[in-house]
Amino acid sequence: MARSRSSLLTEKRIAAARVARYRRRMDLRVTTPEKAVAFVNDVGFCFLFPIQSVEMPSLWDAIAGRVVRVTGSHTGYEIDRTWGWKDDSLDKKQWYYGKLLRHKATLISLDMLPHFYALSENYGDMAHDYLDEYHAGRLTAEARAVYEALLKHGALDTVRLRRESHMISEENKPRFEKALTELQGGLKVLPIGIAETGAWRYAFIYELLPRWFPDVPERARTISRSQARQAILDQYLRNVIAATPQQAARLLGWPLDEIRKTAGKLAEANRVTLDVKVPGLREPQMVTML
């Protein structure tokens, strides 16, 4: 049944399925903050805004109910709700928000978050894990300074965090921003609120992820890396319907051989079909079985 379904796929049918999955229809669009949470829970993980040339759902598309180009001067309900609901949600622990996939703003459901955490270099000891990474050369000195400021002082807004990590000068701002992105990519810190401070009276408040979500390390401890990869790749394919291993590797940041190995295990479990020739697409696709 599933294999015959895959054989009937075409590029147009995949595109139509994505329109519904991503809520890119006015009759399916997300219209309330509660529905935004339900959307993220459904897709497991998505971008806040669509990323050019990267196939993934986004909250922006789901709120817009159609494809709308994001511009710096954009006004309207799409930007008001996407940005506003994200800001309002930061202190509510409804989902994970931070710069994770492709170092872009990413939303992850609380059910999916432990699987991502299980693939990180965090092992439940927030006072020492980062030092192992630093001494192994996998964490920069700037990221260590930012992390230690939060470890010592607790949640801090961006202005004070720059001061406590000794990067308050303008010339150090790029290094500070890079360190924050590095720490978010490693699931070590995340924004948890907005403070009315700084020149714009708007600054993120950051905290250590294990302190904000103390149950996540415990839940991740029971998940093997293989199980985590299978859950994440399975969800990704259920969202995009079909993708090449290379596309999945670029999005998730995994080695290509890990993508192929994980896809093989999903195929054995009848979750995906591999090497599907889809009319209209040049490369063989991994196709969800659902």
Protein backbone atom coordinates (compact mmCIF):
# COMPACT_ATOMS: atom_id res chain seq x y z
CA MET A 1 0.00 0.00 0.00
CA ALA A 2 2.67 2.50 1.07
CA ARG A 3 4.99 1.58 -1.77
CA SER A 4 2.25 1.97 -4.37
CA ARG A 5 1.41 5.35 -2.82
CA SER A 6 5.04 6.42 -3.18
CA SER A 7 5.11 5.29 -6.79
CA LEU A 8 2.14 7.59 -7.53
CA LEU A 9 3.90 10.68 -6.21
CA THR A 10 4.73 13.51 -8.56
CA GLU A 11 6.40 16.84 -7.94
CA LYS A 12 2.98 18.53 -8.13
CA ARG A 13 1.43 16.15 -5.60
CA ILE A 14 4.30 16.69 -3.18
CA ALA A 15 3.91 20.46 -3.53
CA ALA A 16 0.16 20.20 -2.89
CA ALA A 17 0.72 18.03 0.18
CA ARG A 18 3.20 20.58 1.55
CA VAL A 19 0.71 23.40 1.08
CA ALA A 20 -1.68 21.61 3.44
CA ARG A 21 1.04 20.45 5.83
CA TYR A 22 2.57 23.92 6.13
CA ARG A 23 -0.89 25.58 6.45
CA ARG A 24 -0.25 27.62 3.33
CA ARG A 25 -3.99 27.92 2.74
CA MET A 26 -6.25 30.61 4.11
CA ASP A 27 -8.74 28.03 5.38
CA LEU A 28 -5.95 26.25 7.31
CA ARG A 29 -3.94 29.21 8.59
CA VAL A 30 -3.02 29.70 12.23
CA THR A 31 -5.19 32.43 13.72
CA THR A 32 -4.51 32.36 17.49
CA PRO A 33 -1.50 31.86 19.79
CA GLU A 34 -3.03 28.57 20.95
CA LYS A 35 -3.24 27.36 17.36
CA ALA A 36 0.39 28.42 16.87
CA VAL A 37 1.41 26.08 19.70
CA ALA A 38 -0.75 23.31 18.21
CA PHE A 39 0.94 23.85 14.83
CA VAL A 40 4.43 23.52 16.30
CA ASN A 41 3.35 20.43 18.24
CA ASP A 42 2.03 18.94 15.00
CA VAL A 43 5.09 19.57 12.83
CA GLY A 44 7.55 18.92 15.68
CA PHE A 45 9.99 21.60 14.57
CA CYS A 46 9.94 24.48 12.11
CA PHE A 47 11.54 27.80 11.34
CA LEU A 48 10.09 31.04 12.66
CA PHE A 49 10.46 32.57 9.19
CA PRO A 50 10.95 30.66 5.92
CA ILE A 51 14.56 30.25 4.81
CA GLN A 52 15.29 30.61 1.11
CA SER A 53 16.18 27.31 -0.60
CA VAL A 54 15.49 25.29 2.57
CA GLU A 55 12.38 23.10 2.56
CA MET A 56 10.72 23.30 5.98
CA PRO A 57 7.49 24.53 7.54
CA SER A 58 7.58 27.96 9.16
CA LEU A 59 5.32 29.71 11.63
CA TRP A 60 5.28 32.72 9.29
CA ASP A 61 3.76 30.69 6.44
CA ALA A 62 1.24 29.06 8.78
CA ILE A 63 0.11 32.44 10.10
CA ALA A 64 0.02 34.04 6.64
CA GLY A 65 -1.94 31.13 5.16
CA ARG A 66 0.00 31.55 1.92
CA VAL A 67 3.48 32.26 0.64
CA VAL A 68 4.36 35.86 1.47
CA ARG A 69 7.85 37.22 0.97
CA VAL A 70 9.41 38.53 4.17
CA THR A 71 10.94 42.00 3.84
CA GLY A 72 12.54 44.39 6.28
CA SER A 73 9.72 46.86 5.77
CA HIS A 74 6.91 44.32 6.04
CA THR A 75 3.81 45.40 7.94
CA GLY A 76 0.55 43.57 8.54
CA TYR A 77 -0.91 40.76 10.58
CA GLU A 78 1.75 38.29 9.41
CA ILE A 79 4.68 40.09 11.01
CA ASP A 80 2.67 41.37 13.99
CA ARG A 81 1.52 37.88 14.92
CA THR A 82 4.66 35.94 14.03
CA TRP A 83 6.99 38.24 15.95
CA GLY A 84 4.53 39.22 18.66
CA TRP A 85 3.34 35.71 19.49
CA LYS A 86 6.94 34.52 19.57
CA ASP A 87 7.90 37.27 22.01
CA ASP A 88 4.83 36.69 24.20
CA SER A 89 5.56 32.96 24.37
CA LEU A 90 9.15 33.18 25.57
CA ASP A 91 8.36 32.98 29.29
CA LYS A 92 5.54 30.45 28.96
CA LYS A 93 7.53 27.27 28.26
CA GLN A 94 5.19 26.26 25.43
CA TRP A 95 7.97 25.33 23.04
CA TYR A 96 11.71 25.78 22.50
CA TYR A 97 12.77 28.88 20.60
CA GLY A 98 16.32 29.67 19.58
CA LYS A 99 18.84 29.75 16.74
CA LEU A 100 19.31 26.06 16.11
CA LEU A 101 18.81 24.60 12.62
CA ARG A 102 21.06 26.34 10.11
CA HIS A 103 21.68 28.87 12.92
CA LYS A 104 18.26 30.34 12.16
CA ALA A 105 15.33 31.03 14.49
CA THR A 106 13.80 27.60 15.15
CA LEU A 107 10.76 26.41 17.09
CA ILE A 108 10.72 22.90 18.55
CA SER A 109 7.87 21.18 20.34
CA LEU A 110 8.52 20.08 23.91
CA ASP A 111 7.97 16.45 22.88
CA MET A 112 10.65 16.69 20.19
CA LEU A 113 13.15 18.78 22.19
CA PRO A 114 14.67 15.87 24.20
CA HIS A 115 15.57 14.14 20.90
CA PHE A 116 17.55 17.16 19.75
CA TYR A 117 19.13 17.43 23.21
CA ALA A 118 20.15 13.75 23.06
CA LEU A 119 22.28 14.60 20.01
CA SER A 120 24.02 17.53 21.70
CA GLU A 121 27.26 17.51 23.68
CA ASN A 122 25.34 18.08 26.91
CA TYR A 123 25.17 15.18 29.34
CA GLY A 124 23.22 16.62 32.25
CA ASP A 125 26.02 18.37 34.15
CA MET A 126 25.65 22.02 33.19
CA ALA A 127 28.49 23.05 35.51
CA HIS A 128 31.11 20.90 33.75
CA ASP A 129 29.97 19.67 30.32
CA TYR A 130 30.84 22.98 28.66
CA LEU A 131 34.40 22.81 30.04
CA ASP A 132 34.97 19.44 28.39
CA GLU A 133 33.93 20.97 25.08
CA TYR A 134 36.09 24.03 25.65
CA HIS A 135 39.22 22.01 26.47
CA ALA A 136 38.54 19.80 23.43
CA GLY A 137 38.45 22.91 21.23
CA ARG A 138 34.74 22.59 20.39
CA LEU A 139 33.66 25.72 22.29
CA THR A 140 35.12 29.18 21.74
CA ALA A 141 36.47 31.36 24.52
CA GLU A 142 33.70 33.90 23.87
CA ALA A 143 30.99 31.23 24.18
CA ARG A 144 32.59 30.03 27.41
CA ALA A 145 32.54 33.58 28.82
CA VAL A 146 28.85 34.05 27.98
CA TYR A 147 27.95 30.65 29.39
CA GLU A 148 29.85 31.25 32.62
CA ALA A 149 28.15 34.63 33.10
CA LEU A 150 24.75 32.92 32.95
CA LEU A 151 25.96 30.03 35.11
CA LYS A 152 27.10 32.48 37.79
CA HIS A 153 24.38 35.14 37.68
CA GLY A 154 21.30 33.34 36.35
CA ALA A 155 19.09 34.78 33.61
CA LEU A 156 20.44 38.05 32.17
CA ASP A 157 19.26 40.49 29.53
CA THR A 158 21.56 41.04 26.56
CA VAL A 159 22.97 44.33 27.87
CA ARG A 160 24.02 42.93 31.23
CA LEU A 161 25.14 39.65 29.66
CA ARG A 162 27.56 41.53 27.43
CA ARG A 163 28.87 43.38 30.48
CA GLU A 164 29.28 40.25 32.62
CA SER A 165 31.01 38.39 29.79
CA HIS A 166 33.34 41.38 29.22
CA MET A 167 32.14 42.12 25.69
CA ILE A 168 30.30 45.38 26.28
CA SER A 169 32.22 47.45 23.71
CA GLU A 170 30.79 47.90 20.21
CA GLU A 171 33.85 46.30 18.63
CA ASN A 172 33.12 43.12 20.62
CA LYS A 173 29.44 43.00 19.66
CA PRO A 174 29.95 40.66 16.64
CA ARG A 175 31.96 38.25 18.82
CA PHE A 176 29.23 38.32 21.44
CA GLU A 177 26.47 37.65 18.88
CA LYS A 178 28.49 34.80 17.38
CA ALA A 179 28.99 33.29 20.84
CA LEU A 180 25.24 33.45 21.54
CA THR A 181 24.50 31.73 18.24
CA GLU A 182 27.11 29.08 19.03
CA LEU A 183 25.57 28.40 22.45
CA GLN A 184 22.05 28.23 21.04
CA GLY A 185 23.23 25.83 18.34
CA GLY A 186 24.63 23.63 21.10
CA LEU A 187 21.35 23.77 23.05
CA LYS A 188 23.11 25.41 25.98
CA VAL A 189 21.25 28.71 26.23
CA LEU A 190 17.96 30.14 24.96
CA PRO A 191 16.00 33.39 25.15
CA ILE A 192 13.29 33.29 27.83
CA GLY A 193 11.85 36.80 27.77
CA ILE A 194 12.12 40.41 26.68
CA ALA A 195 13.60 43.26 28.76
CA GLU A 196 12.99 46.96 28.15
CA THR A 197 16.63 47.92 28.13
CA GLY A 198 19.26 49.14 25.71
CA ALA A 199 18.94 51.78 23.01
CA TRP A 200 15.82 50.18 21.55
CA ARG A 201 14.25 49.30 24.91
CA TYR A 202 14.11 45.74 23.61
CA ALA A 203 16.55 42.99 24.51
CA PHE A 204 16.31 39.25 24.90
CA ILE A 205 16.76 37.71 28.34
CA TYR A 206 18.89 34.56 28.16
CA GLU A 207 19.10 31.55 30.46
CA LEU A 208 20.79 28.15 30.51
CA LEU A 209 18.56 25.59 28.85
CA PRO A 210 18.92 22.95 31.62
CA ARG A 211 17.76 25.48 34.21
CA TRP A 212 14.79 26.59 32.12
CA PHE A 213 13.78 23.08 31.05
CA PRO A 214 15.19 20.89 33.86
CA ASP A 215 13.26 17.83 32.70
CA VAL A 216 14.80 17.85 29.21
CA PRO A 217 18.23 16.42 30.19
CA GLU A 218 16.49 13.69 32.20
CA ARG A 219 14.19 12.78 29.32
CA ALA A 220 17.08 12.90 26.85
CA ARG A 221 19.13 10.51 28.97
CA THR A 222 16.79 7.63 28.06
CA ILE A 223 17.07 8.34 24.31
CA SER A 224 19.97 6.86 22.35
CA ARG A 225 21.55 8.86 19.55
CA SER A 226 20.17 6.38 17.03
CA GLN A 227 16.65 6.74 18.43
CA ALA A 228 16.96 10.53 18.44
CA ARG A 229 18.08 10.64 14.82
CA GLN A 230 15.27 8.34 13.74
CA ALA A 231 12.63 10.44 15.51
CA ILE A 232 13.95 13.70 14.02
CA LEU A 233 14.43 12.41 10.47
CA ASP A 234 11.03 10.69 10.56
CA GLN A 235 9.34 13.95 11.61
CA TYR A 236 11.25 15.93 9.00
CA LEU A 237 10.11 13.60 6.22
CA ARG A 238 6.52 13.61 7.47
CA ASN A 239 6.64 17.39 7.13
CA VAL A 240 8.32 17.76 3.74
CA ILE A 241 6.88 14.49 2.29
CA ALA A 242 10.00 13.79 0.23
CA ALA A 243 13.65 14.85 0.33
CA THR A 244 17.09 13.73 -0.74
CA PRO A 245 19.65 12.62 1.85
CA GLN A 246 21.71 15.66 0.92
CA GLN A 247 18.83 18.03 1.67
CA ALA A 248 18.28 16.43 5.05
CA ALA A 249 21.99 16.57 5.88
CA ARG A 250 22.19 20.29 5.03
CA LEU A 251 19.21 21.11 7.21
CA LEU A 252 20.02 18.93 10.21
CA GLY A 253 23.79 19.35 10.12
CA TRP A 254 24.46 15.61 10.27
CA PRO A 255 27.05 13.71 8.23
CA LEU A 256 25.55 12.27 5.05
CA ASP A 257 26.36 8.71 6.09
CA GLU A 258 24.35 9.22 9.31
CA ILE A 259 21.37 10.39 7.27
CA ARG A 260 21.59 7.32 5.06
CA LYS A 261 22.04 4.97 8.02
CA THR A 262 19.09 6.51 9.85
CA ALA A 263 16.92 6.45 6.74
CA GLY A 264 17.76 2.77 6.33
CA LYS A 265 16.50 2.03 9.84
CA LEU A 266 13.31 3.98 9.15
CA ALA A 267 12.83 1.97 5.96
CA GLU A 268 13.24 -1.28 7.90
CA ALA A 269 10.50 -0.03 10.25
CA ASN A 270 8.27 0.79 7.26
CA ARG A 271 8.40 4.51 8.05
CA VAL A 272 9.96 5.65 4.77
CA THR A 273 10.58 4.41 1.25
CA LEU A 274 14.04 4.97 -0.14
CA ASP A 275 15.31 5.79 -3.63
CA VAL A 276 11.91 6.78 -5.01
CA LYS A 277 12.01 8.18 -8.53
CA VAL A 278 9.55 11.08 -8.55
CA PRO A 279 8.51 12.54 -11.91
CA GLY A 280 9.66 16.14 -12.06
CA LEU A 281 12.53 15.65 -9.58
CA ARG A 282 16.02 14.69 -10.74
CA GLU A 283 17.34 12.98 -7.62
CA PRO A 284 15.89 9.83 -5.96
CA GLN A 285 13.89 10.77 -2.88
CA MET A 286 13.34 9.49 0.64
CA VAL A 287 9.55 9.47 0.94
CA THR A 288 7.46 9.28 4.09
CA MET A 289 5.20 6.27 4.39
CA LEU A 290 2.47 8.20 6.20
